[in-house]
């Protein structure tokens, strides 16, 4: 794990989208490292802005659930719609919840 974490940190430092996303998820979930939501969300935001659907989903999820950020359904929806448009099924499912259903 230490070597893999070192590679992820280097990839993230270089701005590699997959590295940003994976390191962000490791820090968000505390996989073998202490949870660091602030850094995790920063990394995920950078990857999401580069078009990473997984990062977009997790940002949307965090805004939806208040994980490391203040709950904001409008911000959640922005990220979830972007992820959903790329075929992210988790984002599509979350968008289908009553929180986001609007009267037609």
Protein backbone atom coordinates (compact mmCIF):
# COMPACT_ATOMS: atom_id res chain seq x y z
CA UNK A 1 0.00 0.00 0.00
CA UNK A 2 2.74 2.57 0.72
CA UNK A 3 4.16 2.21 -2.81
CA UNK A 4 0.73 2.48 -4.41
CA UNK A 5 -0.04 5.53 -2.32
CA UNK A 6 3.26 7.07 -3.38
CA UNK A 7 2.37 6.51 -7.05
CA UNK A 8 -1.09 8.03 -6.55
CA UNK A 9 0.38 11.08 -4.83
CA UNK A 10 2.85 11.57 -7.68
CA UNK A 11 0.15 11.17 -10.33
CA UNK A 12 -2.07 13.66 -8.48
CA UNK A 13 0.84 16.08 -8.10
CA UNK A 14 1.27 15.95 -11.87
CA UNK A 15 -2.45 16.59 -12.36
CA UNK A 16 -3.22 13.18 -13.84
CA UNK A 17 -7.00 12.90 -13.73
CA UNK A 18 -7.10 9.24 -12.65
CA UNK A 19 -4.52 9.92 -9.94
CA UNK A 20 -6.52 12.86 -8.63
CA UNK A 21 -9.67 10.77 -8.49
CA UNK A 22 -8.15 7.68 -6.93
CA UNK A 23 -6.17 9.57 -4.29
CA UNK A 24 -9.25 11.65 -3.55
CA UNK A 25 -11.29 8.49 -2.96
CA UNK A 26 -8.57 6.94 -0.80
CA UNK A 27 -8.51 10.04 1.40
CA UNK A 28 -12.30 10.41 1.41
CA UNK A 29 -12.83 6.83 2.54
CA UNK A 30 -9.68 6.44 4.65
CA UNK A 31 -8.44 3.37 2.78
CA UNK A 32 -5.21 2.62 4.63
CA UNK A 33 -4.73 6.30 5.50
CA UNK A 34 -6.46 8.75 7.82
CA UNK A 35 -9.57 10.36 6.34
CA UNK A 36 -8.87 13.87 5.03
CA UNK A 37 -12.09 15.20 3.55
CA UNK A 38 -10.70 18.66 2.78
CA UNK A 39 -7.84 17.35 0.64
CA UNK A 40 -10.03 14.60 -0.81
CA UNK A 41 -12.65 17.07 -2.00
CA UNK A 42 -10.00 19.36 -3.45
CA UNK A 43 -8.54 16.47 -5.47
CA UNK A 44 -11.96 15.26 -6.58
CA UNK A 45 -12.92 18.79 -7.64
CA UNK A 46 -9.78 19.06 -9.79
CA UNK A 47 -10.55 15.71 -11.45
CA UNK A 48 -14.23 16.58 -11.86
CA UNK A 49 -13.30 19.83 -13.57
CA UNK A 50 -11.22 17.74 -15.99
CA UNK A 51 -14.35 15.74 -16.81
CA UNK A 52 -13.88 12.64 -14.63
CA UNK A 53 -17.35 11.11 -14.18
CA UNK A 54 -16.41 9.21 -11.01
CA UNK A 55 -15.09 12.37 -9.37
CA UNK A 56 -18.19 14.25 -10.50
CA UNK A 57 -20.40 11.58 -8.94
CA UNK A 58 -18.55 11.65 -5.62
CA UNK A 59 -18.67 15.44 -5.48
CA UNK A 60 -22.39 15.27 -6.14
CA UNK A 61 -22.77 12.60 -3.49
CA UNK A 62 -20.82 14.68 -0.97
CA UNK A 63 -22.96 17.76 -1.62
CA UNK A 64 -26.09 15.60 -1.40
CA UNK A 65 -25.10 13.97 1.90
CA UNK A 66 -23.04 16.75 3.48
CA UNK A 67 -19.87 14.67 3.49
CA UNK A 68 -17.10 17.20 4.11
CA UNK A 69 -19.16 20.08 2.73
CA UNK A 70 -22.37 21.85 3.60
CA UNK A 71 -25.33 20.03 2.08
CA UNK A 72 -26.43 21.67 -1.16
CA UNK A 73 -28.86 19.87 -3.44
CA UNK A 74 -28.33 22.44 -6.18
CA UNK A 75 -24.56 21.85 -6.21
CA UNK A 76 -25.12 18.11 -5.93
CA UNK A 77 -27.39 18.19 -8.94
CA UNK A 78 -24.82 20.05 -11.08
CA UNK A 79 -22.15 17.40 -10.50
CA UNK A 80 -24.56 14.47 -10.71
CA UNK A 81 -26.00 15.66 -14.02
CA UNK A 82 -22.48 15.93 -15.45
CA UNK A 83 -21.59 12.42 -14.26
CA UNK A 84 -24.92 11.03 -15.41
CA UNK A 85 -24.43 12.47 -18.89
CA UNK A 86 -21.28 10.36 -19.14
CA UNK A 87 -23.20 7.22 -18.22
CA UNK A 88 -22.35 7.04 -14.50
CA UNK A 89 -25.13 4.78 -13.21
CA UNK A 90 -24.58 5.73 -9.56
CA UNK A 91 -25.22 9.36 -10.48
CA UNK A 92 -28.28 8.38 -12.50
CA UNK A 93 -29.69 6.43 -9.55
CA UNK A 94 -29.09 9.27 -7.09
CA UNK A 95 -30.68 11.77 -9.47
CA UNK A 96 -33.73 9.51 -9.57
CA UNK A 97 -34.33 9.88 -5.83
CA UNK A 98 -37.12 12.00 -4.44
CA UNK A 99 -34.59 14.70 -3.49
CA UNK A 100 -34.22 15.58 -7.16
CA UNK A 101 -37.64 14.72 -8.57
CA UNK A 102 -39.40 17.85 -9.76
CA UNK A 103 -43.04 18.37 -10.53
CA UNK A 104 -43.52 18.58 -14.27
